[in-house]
């Protein structure tokens, strides 16, 4: 299945999903393109699934009639995503055009120590 990773996700995820044809937004030359236009490009390029950690996309876009499936991850840091690669792969297998689903990967939280070390 053709899968596109948004620019907010680590490129290592592409390698972890080796059972699919996975590309990145940066590789496609689409970095910085806004959500609506990006989704149109993703569809016209023949991708079946778009994976992102951009929760604004869910609120800003209407997915009805879309030719792609969208998978939202709740984290974008590799150390949080890595333990959930199998769940992400399963979500890709379940993906149907016009649908969206969320894979819970946890959330990065700053500790008090991190805040004082900035």
PDB file of N, CA and C in Angstrom:
ATOM      1  N   UNK A   1       0.848  -1.171   0.000  1.00  0.00           N
ATOM      2  CA  UNK A   1       0.000   0.000   0.000  1.00  0.00           C
ATOM      3  C   UNK A   1       0.898   1.239   0.000  1.00  0.00           C
ATOM      4  N   UNK A   2       0.500   2.273  -0.727  1.00  0.00           N
ATOM      5  CA  UNK A   2       1.272   3.521  -0.778  1.00  0.00           C
ATOM      6  C   UNK A   2       0.884   4.397   0.413  1.00  0.00           C
ATOM      7  N   UNK A   3       1.890   4.764   1.197  1.00  0.00           N
ATOM      8  CA  UNK A   3       1.689   5.507   2.439  1.00  0.00           C
ATOM      9  C   UNK A   3       2.581   6.745   2.421  1.00  0.00           C
ATOM     10  N   UNK A   4       2.036   7.872   2.886  1.00  0.00           N
ATOM     11  CA  UNK A   4       2.814   9.102   3.000  1.00  0.00           C
ATOM     12  C   UNK A   4       2.875   9.533   4.454  1.00  0.00           C
ATOM     13  N   UNK A   5       4.104   9.831   4.922  1.00  0.00           N
ATOM     14  CA  UNK A   5       4.304  10.335   6.280  1.00  0.00           C
ATOM     15  C   UNK A   5       4.396  11.851   6.241  1.00  0.00           C
ATOM     16  N   UNK A   6       3.658  12.499   7.120  1.00  0.00           N
ATOM     17  CA  UNK A   6       3.700  13.949   7.216  1.00  0.00           C
ATOM     18  C   UNK A   6       5.077  14.401   7.686  1.00  0.00           C
ATOM     19  N   UNK A   7       5.385  15.658   7.462  1.00  0.00           N
ATOM     20  CA  UNK A   7       6.708  16.177   7.816  1.00  0.00           C
ATOM     21  C   UNK A   7       6.930  16.275   9.323  1.00  0.00           C
ATOM     22  N   UNK A   8       5.878  16.124  10.127  1.00  0.00           N
ATOM     23  CA  UNK A   8       6.030  16.190  11.585  1.00  0.00           C
ATOM     24  C   UNK A   8       6.373  14.832  12.208  1.00  0.00           C
ATOM     25  N   UNK A   9       6.590  13.826  11.386  1.00  0.00           N
ATOM     26  CA  UNK A   9       6.905  12.482  11.894  1.00  0.00           C
ATOM     27  C   UNK A   9       8.353  12.113  11.583  1.00  0.00           C
ATOM     28  N   UNK A  10       8.968  11.291  12.427  1.00  0.00           N
ATOM     29  CA  UNK A  10      10.360  10.894  12.186  1.00  0.00           C
ATOM     30  C   UNK A  10      10.486  10.000  10.956  1.00  0.00           C
ATOM     31  N   UNK A  11      11.519  10.239  10.180  1.00  0.00           N
ATOM     32  CA  UNK A  11      11.740   9.465   8.958  1.00  0.00           C
ATOM     33  C   UNK A  11      12.001   7.989   9.256  1.00  0.00           C
ATOM     34  N   UNK A  12      12.449   7.678  10.452  1.00  0.00           N
ATOM     35  CA  UNK A  12      12.702   6.274  10.812  1.00  0.00           C
ATOM     36  C   UNK A  12      11.426   5.435  10.759  1.00  0.00           C
ATOM     37  N   UNK A  13      10.271   6.074  10.893  1.00  0.00           N
ATOM     38  CA  UNK A  13       9.009   5.342  10.803  1.00  0.00           C
ATOM     39  C   UNK A  13       8.856   4.719   9.414  1.00  0.00           C
ATOM     40  N   UNK A  14       9.364   5.377   8.405  1.00  0.00           N
ATOM     41  CA  UNK A  14       9.300   4.845   7.034  1.00  0.00           C
ATOM     42  C   UNK A  14       9.972   3.475   6.964  1.00  0.00           C
ATOM     43  N   UNK A  15      11.126   3.360   7.575  1.00  0.00           N
ATOM     44  CA  UNK A  15      11.853   2.085   7.555  1.00  0.00           C
ATOM     45  C   UNK A  15      11.149   1.016   8.376  1.00  0.00           C
ATOM     46  N   UNK A  16      10.499   1.432   9.446  1.00  0.00           N
ATOM     47  CA  UNK A  16       9.802   0.479  10.314  1.00  0.00           C
ATOM     48  C   UNK A  16       8.545  -0.089   9.652  1.00  0.00           C
ATOM     49  N   UNK A  17       8.039   0.595   8.640  1.00  0.00           N
ATOM     50  CA  UNK A  17       6.831   0.140   7.934  1.00  0.00           C
ATOM     51  C   UNK A  17       7.205  -0.429   6.570  1.00  0.00           C
ATOM     52  N   UNK A  18       8.245  -1.227   6.532  1.00  0.00           N
ATOM     53  CA  UNK A  18       8.839  -1.704   5.278  1.00  0.00           C
ATOM     54  C   UNK A  18       7.928  -2.605   4.445  1.00  0.00           C
ATOM     55  N   UNK A  19       6.839  -3.085   5.013  1.00  0.00           N
ATOM     56  CA  UNK A  19       5.907  -3.916   4.245  1.00  0.00           C
ATOM     57  C   UNK A  19       5.093  -3.076   3.247  1.00  0.00           C
ATOM     58  N   UNK A  20       5.224  -1.754   3.351  1.00  0.00           N
ATOM     59  CA  UNK A  20       4.465  -0.848   2.489  1.00  0.00           C
ATOM     60  C   UNK A  20       5.417   0.066   1.727  1.00  0.00           C
ATOM     61  N   UNK A  21       4.900   0.704   0.685  1.00  0.00           N
ATOM     62  CA  UNK A  21       5.648   1.703  -0.070  1.00  0.00           C
ATOM     63  C   UNK A  21       5.450   3.038   0.649  1.00  0.00           C
ATOM     64  N   UNK A  22       6.391   3.398   1.515  1.00  0.00           N
ATOM     65  CA  UNK A  22       6.246   4.576   2.366  1.00  0.00           C
ATOM     66  C   UNK A  22       7.186   5.676   1.908  1.00  0.00           C
ATOM     67  N   UNK A  23       6.624   6.852   1.723  1.00  0.00           N
ATOM     68  CA  UNK A  23       7.392   8.042   1.359  1.00  0.00           C
ATOM     69  C   UNK A  23       7.146   9.112   2.424  1.00  0.00           C
ATOM     70  N   UNK A  24       7.955  10.149   2.391  1.00  0.00           N
ATOM     71  CA  UNK A  24       7.768  11.272   3.311  1.00  0.00           C
ATOM     72  C   UNK A  24       7.384  12.520   2.519  1.00  0.00           C
ATOM     73  N   UNK A  25       6.745  13.450   3.201  1.00  0.00           N
ATOM     74  CA  UNK A  25       6.380  14.719   2.580  1.00  0.00           C
ATOM     75  C   UNK A  25       7.638  15.414   2.056  1.00  0.00           C
ATOM     76  N   UNK A  26       8.715  15.382   2.841  1.00  0.00           N
ATOM     77  CA  UNK A  26       9.967  16.017   2.418  1.00  0.00           C
ATOM     78  C   UNK A  26      10.506  15.369   1.141  1.00  0.00           C
ATOM     79  N   UNK A  27      10.489  14.050   1.080  1.00  0.00           N
ATOM     80  CA  UNK A  27      10.974  13.339  -0.102  1.00  0.00           C
ATOM     81  C   UNK A  27      10.178  13.740  -1.346  1.00  0.00           C
ATOM     82  N   UNK A  28       8.888  13.943  -1.177  1.00  0.00           N
ATOM     83  CA  UNK A  28       8.025  14.313  -2.292  1.00  0.00           C
ATOM     84  C   UNK A  28       8.187  15.784  -2.688  1.00  0.00           C
ATOM     85  N   UNK A  29       8.914  16.553  -1.871  1.00  0.00           N
ATOM     86  CA  UNK A  29       9.102  17.979  -2.164  1.00  0.00           C
ATOM     87  C   UNK A  29       7.922  18.834  -1.747  1.00  0.00           C
ATOM     88  N   UNK A  30       7.129  18.330  -0.804  1.00  0.00           N
ATOM     89  CA  UNK A  30       5.906  19.017  -0.393  1.00  0.00           C
ATOM     90  C   UNK A  30       5.996  19.658   0.983  1.00  0.00           C
ATOM     91  N   UNK A  31       7.184  19.790   1.536  1.00  0.00           N
ATOM     92  CA  UNK A  31       7.345  20.388   2.870  1.00  0.00           C
ATOM     93  C   UNK A  31       6.789  21.809   2.865  1.00  0.00           C
ATOM     94  N   UNK A  32       6.065  22.145   3.920  1.00  0.00           N
ATOM     95  CA  UNK A  32       5.515  23.487   4.077  1.00  0.00           C
ATOM     96  C   UNK A  32       4.181  23.718   3.401  1.00  0.00           C
ATOM     97  N   UNK A  33       3.696  22.748   2.637  1.00  0.00           N
ATOM     98  CA  UNK A  33       2.396  22.910   1.970  1.00  0.00           C
ATOM     99  C   UNK A  33       1.289  22.734   2.999  1.00  0.00           C
ATOM    100  N   UNK A  34       0.308  23.622   2.955  1.00  0.00           N
ATOM    101  CA  UNK A  34      -0.777  23.610   3.931  1.00  0.00           C
ATOM    102  C   UNK A  34      -1.700  22.408   3.739  1.00  0.00           C
ATOM    103  N   UNK A  35      -2.430  22.081   4.806  1.00  0.00           N
ATOM    104  CA  UNK A  35      -3.193  20.832   4.894  1.00  0.00           C
ATOM    105  C   UNK A  35      -4.136  20.547   3.738  1.00  0.00           C
ATOM    106  N   UNK A  36      -5.010  21.474   3.379  1.00  0.00           N
ATOM    107  CA  UNK A  36      -5.977  21.212   2.308  1.00  0.00           C
ATOM    108  C   UNK A  36      -5.298  20.913   0.984  1.00  0.00           C
ATOM    109  N   UNK A  37      -4.333  21.731   0.633  1.00  0.00           N
ATOM    110  CA  UNK A  37      -3.592  21.530  -0.609  1.00  0.00           C
ATOM    111  C   UNK A  37      -2.763  20.249  -0.537  1.00  0.00           C
ATOM    112  N   UNK A  38      -2.187  19.971   0.620  1.00  0.00           N
ATOM    113  CA  UNK A  38      -1.390  18.760   0.797  1.00  0.00           C
ATOM    114  C   UNK A  38      -2.247  17.510   0.593  1.00  0.00           C
ATOM    115  N   UNK A  39      -3.430  17.484   1.176  1.00  0.00           N
ATOM    116  CA  UNK A  39      -4.307  16.317   1.011  1.00  0.00           C
ATOM    117  C   UNK A  39      -4.672  16.104  -0.456  1.00  0.00           C
ATOM    118  N   UNK A  40      -4.906  17.185  -1.182  1.00  0.00           N
ATOM    119  CA  UNK A  40      -5.209  17.068  -2.614  1.00  0.00           C
ATOM    120  C   UNK A  40      -4.017  16.481  -3.371  1.00  0.00           C
ATOM    121  N   UNK A  41      -2.800  16.909  -3.024  1.00  0.00           N
ATOM    122  CA  UNK A  41      -1.600  16.358  -3.658  1.00  0.00           C
ATOM    123  C   UNK A  41      -1.434  14.874  -3.326  1.00  0.00           C
ATOM    124  N   UNK A  42      -1.678  14.531  -2.072  1.00  0.00           N
ATOM    125  CA  UNK A  42      -1.552  13.130  -1.636  1.00  0.00           C
ATOM    126  C   UNK A  42      -2.492  12.244  -2.449  1.00  0.00           C
ATOM    127  N   UNK A  43      -3.719  12.698  -2.604  1.00  0.00           N
ATOM    128  CA  UNK A  43      -4.697  11.920  -3.380  1.00  0.00           C
ATOM    129  C   UNK A  43      -4.304  11.828  -4.851  1.00  0.00           C
ATOM    130  N   UNK A  44      -3.916  12.957  -5.437  1.00  0.00           N
ATOM    131  CA  UNK A  44      -3.598  12.954  -6.874  1.00  0.00           C
ATOM    132  C   UNK A  44      -2.340  12.131  -7.181  1.00  0.00           C
ATOM    133  N   UNK A  45      -1.456  11.972  -6.198  1.00  0.00           N
ATOM    134  CA  UNK A  45      -0.247  11.175  -6.397  1.00  0.00           C
ATOM    135  C   UNK A  45      -0.498   9.685  -6.180  1.00  0.00           C
ATOM    136  N   UNK A  46      -1.714   9.312  -5.811  1.00  0.00           N
ATOM    137  CA  UNK A  46      -2.061   7.896  -5.694  1.00  0.00           C
ATOM    138  C   UNK A  46      -1.741   7.241  -4.372  1.00  0.00           C
ATOM    139  N   UNK A  47      -1.500   8.039  -3.336  1.00  0.00           N
ATOM    140  CA  UNK A  47      -1.286   7.452  -2.013  1.00  0.00           C
ATOM    141  C   UNK A  47      -2.623   6.964  -1.464  1.00  0.00           C
ATOM    142  N   UNK A  48      -2.592   5.885  -0.698  1.00  0.00           N
ATOM    143  CA  UNK A  48      -3.803   5.335  -0.093  1.00  0.00           C
ATOM    144  C   UNK A  48      -3.974   5.808   1.343  1.00  0.00           C
ATOM    145  N   UNK A  49      -2.837   6.075   2.037  1.00  0.00           N
ATOM    146  CA  UNK A  49      -2.877   6.420   3.457  1.00  0.00           C
ATOM    147  C   UNK A  49      -1.936   7.592   3.716  1.00  0.00           C
ATOM    148  N   UNK A  50      -2.408   8.516   4.535  1.00  0.00           N
ATOM    149  CA  UNK A  50      -1.597   9.645   4.992  1.00  0.00           C
ATOM    150  C   UNK A  50      -1.511   9.541   6.508  1.00  0.00           C
ATOM    151  N   UNK A  51      -0.277   9.527   7.040  1.00  0.00           N
ATOM    152  CA  UNK A  51      -0.078   9.423   8.492  1.00  0.00           C
ATOM    153  C   UNK A  51       0.486  10.741   9.001  1.00  0.00           C
ATOM    154  N   UNK A  52      -0.121  11.269  10.058  1.00  0.00           N
ATOM    155  CA  UNK A  52       0.274  12.562  10.600  1.00  0.00           C
ATOM    156  C   UNK A  52       0.099  12.601  12.110  1.00  0.00           C
ATOM    157  N   UNK A  53       0.778  13.535  12.737  1.00  0.00           N
ATOM    158  CA  UNK A  53       0.556  13.822  14.158  1.00  0.00           C
ATOM    159  C   UNK A  53      -0.098  15.191  14.311  1.00  0.00           C
ATOM    160  N   UNK A  54      -0.542  15.774  13.204  1.00  0.00           N
ATOM    161  CA  UNK A  54      -1.163  17.098  13.190  1.00  0.00           C
ATOM    162  C   UNK A  54      -2.645  16.987  13.531  1.00  0.00           C
ATOM    163  N   UNK A  55      -2.966  17.196  14.798  1.00  0.00           N
ATOM    164  CA  UNK A  55      -4.370  17.070  15.243  1.00  0.00           C
ATOM    165  C   UNK A  55      -5.238  18.211  14.709  1.00  0.00           C
ATOM    166  N   UNK A  56      -4.641  19.314  14.278  1.00  0.00           N
ATOM    167  CA  UNK A  56      -5.417  20.411  13.690  1.00  0.00           C
ATOM    168  C   UNK A  56      -6.079  19.967  12.396  1.00  0.00           C
ATOM    169  N   UNK A  57      -5.426  19.069  11.692  1.00  0.00           N
ATOM    170  CA  UNK A  57      -5.958  18.573  10.427  1.00  0.00           C
ATOM    171  C   UNK A  57      -7.348  17.983  10.612  1.00  0.00           C
ATOM    172  N   UNK A  58      -7.530  17.247  11.703  1.00  0.00           N
ATOM    173  CA  UNK A  58      -8.815  16.611  11.986  1.00  0.00           C
ATOM    174  C   UNK A  58      -9.923  17.643  12.165  1.00  0.00           C
ATOM    175  N   UNK A  59      -9.589  18.778  12.752  1.00  0.00           N
ATOM    176  CA  UNK A  59     -10.574  19.828  12.997  1.00  0.00           C
ATOM    177  C   UNK A  59     -10.793  20.717  11.780  1.00  0.00           C
ATOM    178  N   UNK A  60      -9.776  20.856  10.940  1.00  0.00           N
ATOM    179  CA  UNK A  60      -9.840  21.787   9.817  1.00  0.00           C
ATOM    180  C   UNK A  60     -10.415  21.183   8.537  1.00  0.00           C
ATOM    181  N   UNK A  61     -10.321  19.881   8.383  1.00  0.00           N
ATOM    182  CA  UNK A  61     -10.664  19.264   7.108  1.00  0.00           C
ATOM    183  C   UNK A  61     -11.880  18.346   7.218  1.00  0.00           C
ATOM    184  N   UNK A  62     -12.623  18.275   6.136  1.00  0.00           N
ATOM    185  CA  UNK A  62     -13.737  17.351   6.014  1.00  0.00           C
ATOM    186  C   UNK A  62     -13.218  16.138   5.236  1.00  0.00           C
ATOM    187  N   UNK A  63     -13.344  14.962   5.805  1.00  0.00           N
ATOM    188  CA  UNK A  63     -12.805  13.765   5.175  1.00  0.00           C
ATOM    189  C   UNK A  63     -13.822  13.035   4.306  1.00  0.00           C
ATOM    190  N   UNK A  64     -15.058  13.476   4.317  1.00  0.00           N
ATOM    191  CA  UNK A  64     -16.101  12.858   3.509  1.00  0.00           C
ATOM    192  C   UNK A  64     -15.725  12.947   2.036  1.00  0.00           C
ATOM    193  N   UNK A  65     -15.767  11.828   1.367  1.00  0.00           N
ATOM    194  CA  UNK A  65     -15.478  11.779  -0.061  1.00  0.00           C
ATOM    195  C   UNK A  65     -13.998  11.735  -0.404  1.00  0.00           C
ATOM    196  N   UNK A  66     -13.136  11.725   0.584  1.00  0.00           N
ATOM    197  CA  UNK A  66     -11.694  11.638   0.328  1.00  0.00           C
ATOM    198  C   UNK A  66     -11.349  10.267  -0.246  1.00  0.00           C
ATOM    199  N   UNK A  67     -10.339  10.240  -1.083  1.00  0.00           N
ATOM    200  CA  UNK A  67      -9.877   8.992  -1.685  1.00  0.00           C
ATOM    201  C   UNK A  67      -8.808   8.318  -0.848  1.00  0.00           C
ATOM    202  N   UNK A  68      -8.379   8.978   0.223  1.00  0.00           N
ATOM    203  CA  UNK A  68      -7.331   8.437   1.082  1.00  0.00           C
ATOM    204  C   UNK A  68      -7.864   8.195   2.487  1.00  0.00           C
ATOM    205  N   UNK A  69      -7.149   7.384   3.216  1.00  0.00           N
ATOM    206  CA  UNK A  69      -7.407   7.205   4.647  1.00  0.00           C
ATOM    207  C   UNK A  69      -6.350   8.001   5.397  1.00  0.00           C
ATOM    208  N   UNK A  70      -6.725   8.506   6.557  1.00  0.00           N
ATOM    209  CA  UNK A  70      -5.793   9.283   7.362  1.00  0.00           C
ATOM    210  C   UNK A  70      -5.640   8.615   8.719  1.00  0.00           C
ATOM    211  N   UNK A  71      -4.394   8.466   9.136  1.00  0.00           N
ATOM    212  CA  UNK A  71      -4.087   7.896  10.446  1.00  0.00           C
ATOM    213  C   UNK A  71      -3.404   8.976  11.272  1.00  0.00           C
ATOM    214  N   UNK A  72      -3.973   9.269  12.419  1.00  0.00           N
ATOM    215  CA  UNK A  72      -3.419  10.250  13.339  1.00  0.00           C
ATOM    216  C   UNK A  72      -2.632   9.527  14.421  1.00  0.00           C
ATOM    217  N   UNK A  73      -1.429   9.996  14.689  1.00  0.00           N
ATOM    218  CA  UNK A  73      -0.645   9.499  15.811  1.00  0.00           C
ATOM    219  C   UNK A  73      -0.689  10.554  16.908  1.00  0.00           C
ATOM    220  N   UNK A  74      -0.744  10.123  18.163  1.00  0.00           N
ATOM    221  CA  UNK A  74      -0.836  11.076  19.268  1.00  0.00           C
ATOM    222  C   UNK A  74       0.527  11.591  19.708  1.00  0.00           C
ATOM    223  N   UNK A  75       1.581  11.130  19.066  1.00  0.00           N
ATOM    224  CA  UNK A  75       2.937  11.599  19.384  1.00  0.00           C
ATOM    225  C   UNK A  75       3.717  11.712  18.091  1.00  0.00           C
ATOM    226  N   UNK A  76       4.782  12.488  18.138  1.00  0.00           N
ATOM    227  CA  UNK A  76       5.643  12.588  16.972  1.00  0.00           C
ATOM    228  C   UNK A  76       7.103  12.299  17.302  1.00  0.00           C
ATOM    229  N   UNK A  77       7.377  11.967  18.542  1.00  0.00           N
ATOM    230  CA  UNK A  77       8.733  11.632  18.955  1.00  0.00           C
ATOM    231  C   UNK A  77       8.969  10.130  18.744  1.00  0.00           C
ATOM    232  N   UNK A  78      10.100   9.802  18.140  1.00  0.00           N
ATOM    233  CA  UNK A  78      10.399   8.419  17.781  1.00  0.00           C
ATOM    234  C   UNK A  78      10.340   7.471  18.973  1.00  0.00           C
ATOM    235  N   UNK A  79      10.869   7.877  20.115  1.00  0.00           N
ATOM    236  CA  UNK A  79      10.880   6.971  21.268  1.00  0.00           C
ATOM    237  C   UNK A  79       9.468   6.646  21.753  1.00  0.00           C
ATOM    238  N   UNK A  80       8.501   7.490  21.469  1.00  0.00           N
ATOM    239  CA  UNK A  80       7.108   7.200  21.824  1.00  0.00           C
ATOM    240  C   UNK A  80       6.406   6.386  20.733  1.00  0.00           C
ATOM    241  N   UNK A  81       6.773   6.615  19.499  1.00  0.00           N
ATOM    242  CA  UNK A  81       6.140   5.917  18.374  1.00  0.00           C
ATOM    243  C   UNK A  81       6.641   4.476  18.247  1.00  0.00           C
ATOM    244  N   UNK A  82       7.927   4.267  18.436  1.00  0.00           N
ATOM    245  CA  UNK A  82       8.551   2.959  18.204  1.00  0.00           C
ATOM    246  C   UNK A  82       7.801   1.778  18.831  1.00  0.00           C
ATOM    247  N   UNK A  83       7.369   1.851  20.094  1.00  0.00           N
ATOM    248  CA  UNK A  83       6.656   0.696  20.664  1.00  0.00           C
ATOM    249  C   UNK A  83       5.286   0.430  20.023  1.00  0.00           C
ATOM    250  N   UNK A  84       4.831   1.343  19.165  1.00  0.00           N
ATOM    251  CA  UNK A  84       3.494   1.218  18.573  1.00  0.00           C
ATOM    252  C   UNK A  84       3.525   0.971  17.069  1.00  0.00           C
ATOM    253  N   UNK A  85       4.677   0.614  16.548  1.00  0.00           N
ATOM    254  CA  UNK A  85       4.806   0.399  15.107  1.00  0.00           C
ATOM    255  C   UNK A  85       3.847  -0.688  14.619  1.00  0.00           C
ATOM    256  N   UNK A  86       3.690  -1.763  15.374  1.00  0.00           N
ATOM    257  CA  UNK A  86       2.767  -2.831  14.954  1.00  0.00           C
ATOM    258  C   UNK A  86       1.323  -2.333  14.910  1.00  0.00           C
ATOM    259  N   UNK A  87       0.947  -1.482  15.855  1.00  0.00           N
ATOM    260  CA  UNK A  87      -0.405  -0.903  15.847  1.00  0.00           C
ATOM    261  C   UNK A  87      -0.595   0.014  14.644  1.00  0.00           C
ATOM    262  N   UNK A  88       0.439   0.753  14.294  1.00  0.00           N
ATOM    263  CA  UNK A  88       0.375   1.629  13.121  1.00  0.00           C
ATOM    264  C   UNK A  88       0.243   0.792  11.856  1.00  0.00           C
ATOM    265  N   UNK A  89       1.015  -0.287  11.769  1.00  0.00           N
ATOM    266  CA  UNK A  89       0.927  -1.188  10.616  1.00  0.00           C
ATOM    267  C   UNK A  89      -0.467  -1.804  10.506  1.00  0.00           C
ATOM    268  N   UNK A  90      -1.049  -2.175  11.646  1.00  0.00           N
ATOM    269  CA  UNK A  90      -2.408  -2.733  11.642  1.00  0.00           C
ATOM    270  C   UNK A  90      -3.427  -1.680  11.198  1.00  0.00           C
ATOM    271  N   UNK A  91      -3.221  -0.434  11.602  1.00  0.00           N
ATOM    272  CA  UNK A  91      -4.119   0.649  11.188  1.00  0.00           C
ATOM    273  C   UNK A  91      -4.036   0.854   9.677  1.00  0.00           C
ATOM    274  N   UNK A  92      -2.848   0.724   9.113  1.00  0.00           N
ATOM    275  CA  UNK A  92      -2.697   0.827   7.659  1.00  0.00           C
ATOM    276  C   UNK A  92      -3.495  -0.280   6.983  1.00  0.00           C
ATOM    277  N   UNK A  93      -3.405  -1.494   7.500  1.00  0.00           N
ATOM    278  CA  UNK A  93      -4.141  -2.622   6.920  1.00  0.00           C
ATOM    279  C   UNK A  93      -5.656  -2.412   6.981  1.00  0.00           C
ATOM    280  N   UNK A  94      -6.134  -1.755   8.028  1.00  0.00           N
ATOM    281  CA  UNK A  94      -7.581  -1.495   8.194  1.00  0.00           C
ATOM    282  C   UNK A  94      -8.057  -0.290   7.399  1.00  0.00           C
ATOM    283  N   UNK A  95      -7.162   0.517   6.912  1.00  0.00           N
ATOM    284  CA  UNK A  95      -7.498   1.798   6.295  1.00  0.00           C
ATOM    285  C   UNK A  95      -8.389   1.640   5.066  1.00  0.00           C
ATOM    286  N   UNK A  96      -9.393   2.475   5.014  1.00  0.00           N
ATOM    287  CA  UNK A  96     -10.322   2.532   3.880  1.00  0.00           C
ATOM    288  C   UNK A  96     -10.433   3.982   3.432  1.00  0.00           C
ATOM    289  N   UNK A  97     -10.599   4.229   2.135  1.00  0.00           N
ATOM    290  CA  UNK A  97     -10.718   5.606   1.649  1.00  0.00           C
ATOM    291  C   UNK A  97     -11.810   6.382   2.399  1.00  0.00           C
ATOM    292  N   UNK A  98     -11.503   7.631   2.720  1.00  0.00           N
ATOM    293  CA  UNK A  98     -12.470   8.504   3.379  1.00  0.00           C
ATOM    294  C   UNK A  98     -12.585   8.312   4.876  1.00  0.00           C
ATOM    295  N   UNK A  99     -11.769   7.422   5.445  1.00  0.00           N
ATOM    296  CA  UNK A  99     -11.838   7.184   6.890  1.00  0.00           C
ATOM    297  C   UNK A  99     -10.628   7.787   7.583  1.00  0.00           C
ATOM    298  N   UNK A 100     -10.757   7.939   8.886  1.00  0.00           N
ATOM    299  CA  UNK A 100      -9.606   8.334   9.696  1.00  0.00           C
ATOM    300  C   UNK A 100      -9.668   7.571  11.007  1.00  0.00           C
ATOM    301  N   UNK A 101      -8.487   7.329  11.555  1.00  0.00           N
ATOM    302  CA  UNK A 101      -8.371   6.620  12.827  1.00  0.00           C
ATOM    303  C   UNK A 101      -7.172   7.164  13.575  1.00  0.00           C
ATOM    304  N   UNK A 102      -7.161   6.916  14.863  1.00  0.00           N
ATOM    305  CA  UNK A 102      -6.088   7.408  15.717  1.00  0.00           C
ATOM    306  C   UNK A 102      -5.361   6.229  16.347  1.00  0.00           C
ATOM    307  N   UNK A 103      -4.039   6.311  16.350  1.00  0.00           N
ATOM    308  CA  UNK A 103      -3.208   5.327  17.050  1.00  0.00           C
ATOM    309  C   UNK A 103      -2.621   6.049  18.256  1.00  0.00           C
ATOM    310  N   UNK A 104      -2.958   5.565  19.427  1.00  0.00           N
ATOM    311  CA  UNK A 104      -2.492   6.158  20.683  1.00  0.00           C
ATOM    312  C   UNK A 104      -1.038   5.739  20.921  1.00  0.00           C
ATOM    313  N   UNK A 105      -0.152   6.721  20.903  1.00  0.00           N
ATOM    314  CA  UNK A 105       1.282   6.470  21.117  1.00  0.00           C
ATOM    315  C   UNK A 105       1.782   7.156  22.378  1.00  0.00           C
ATOM    316  N   UNK A 106       0.879   7.663  23.179  1.00  0.00           N
ATOM    317  CA  UNK A 106       1.302   8.442  24.337  1.00  0.00           C
ATOM    318  C   UNK A 106       1.534   9.874  23.921  1.00  0.00           C
ATOM    319  N   UNK A 107       1.985  10.664  24.844  1.00  0.00           N
ATOM    320  CA  UNK A 107       2.243  12.071  24.575  1.00  0.00           C
ATOM    321  C   UNK A 107       3.500  12.508  25.295  1.00  0.00           C
ATOM    322  N   UNK A 108       4.279  13.333  24.632  1.00  0.00           N
ATOM    323  CA  UNK A 108       5.475  13.876  25.244  1.00  0.00           C
ATOM    324  C   UNK A 108       5.073  14.915  26.276  1.00  0.00           C
ATOM    325  N   UNK A 109       5.624  14.812  27.459  1.00  0.00           N
ATOM    326  CA  UNK A 109       5.344  15.798  28.501  1.00  0.00           C
ATOM    327  C   UNK A 109       6.666  16.282  29.066  1.00  0.00           C
ATOM    328  N   UNK A 110       6.777  17.572  29.172  1.00  0.00           N
ATOM    329  CA  UNK A 110       7.986  18.143  29.770  1.00  0.00           C
ATOM    330  C   UNK A 110       7.939  17.931  31.275  1.00  0.00           C
ATOM    331  N   UNK A 111       9.061  17.556  31.826  1.00  0.00           N
ATOM    332  CA  UNK A 111       9.157  17.437  33.279  1.00  0.00           C
ATOM    333  C   UNK A 111       9.590  18.789  33.833  1.00  0.00           C
ATOM    334  N   UNK A 112       9.446  18.969  35.109  1.00  0.00           N
ATOM    335  CA  UNK A 112       9.868  20.220  35.727  1.00  0.00           C
ATOM    336  C   UNK A 112      11.356  20.467  35.473  1.00  0.00           C
ATOM    337  N   UNK A 113      12.151  19.414  35.513  1.00  0.00           N
ATOM    338  CA  UNK A 113      13.584  19.530  35.263  1.00  0.00           C
ATOM    339  C   UNK A 113      13.838  20.035  33.845  1.00  0.00           C
ATOM    340  N   UNK A 114      13.092  19.509  32.843  1.00  0.00           N
ATOM    341  CA  UNK A 114      13.239  19.974  31.473  1.00  0.00           C
ATOM    342  C   UNK A 114      12.915  21.447  31.331  1.00  0.00           C
ATOM    343  N   UNK A 115      11.902  21.905  32.022  1.00  0.00           N
ATOM    344  CA  UNK A 115      11.504  23.299  31.938  1.00  0.00           C
ATOM    345  C   UNK A 115      12.579  24.231  32.489  1.00  0.00           C
ATOM    346  N   UNK A 116      13.247  23.836  33.551  1.00  0.00           N
ATOM    347  CA  UNK A 116      14.251  24.703  34.148  1.00  0.00           C
ATOM    348  C   UNK A 116      15.559  24.661  33.379  1.00  0.00           C
ATOM    349  N   UNK A 117      15.764  23.656  32.548  1.00  0.00           N
ATOM    350  CA  UNK A 117      17.005  23.541  31.782  1.00  0.00           C
ATOM    351  C   UNK A 117      16.928  24.212  30.417  1.00  0.00           C
ATOM    352  N   UNK A 118      15.846  24.880  30.096  1.00  0.00           N
ATOM    353  CA  UNK A 118      15.697  25.501  28.780  1.00  0.00           C
ATOM    354  C   UNK A 118      16.549  26.725  28.629  1.00  0.00           C
TER     355      UNK A 118
END
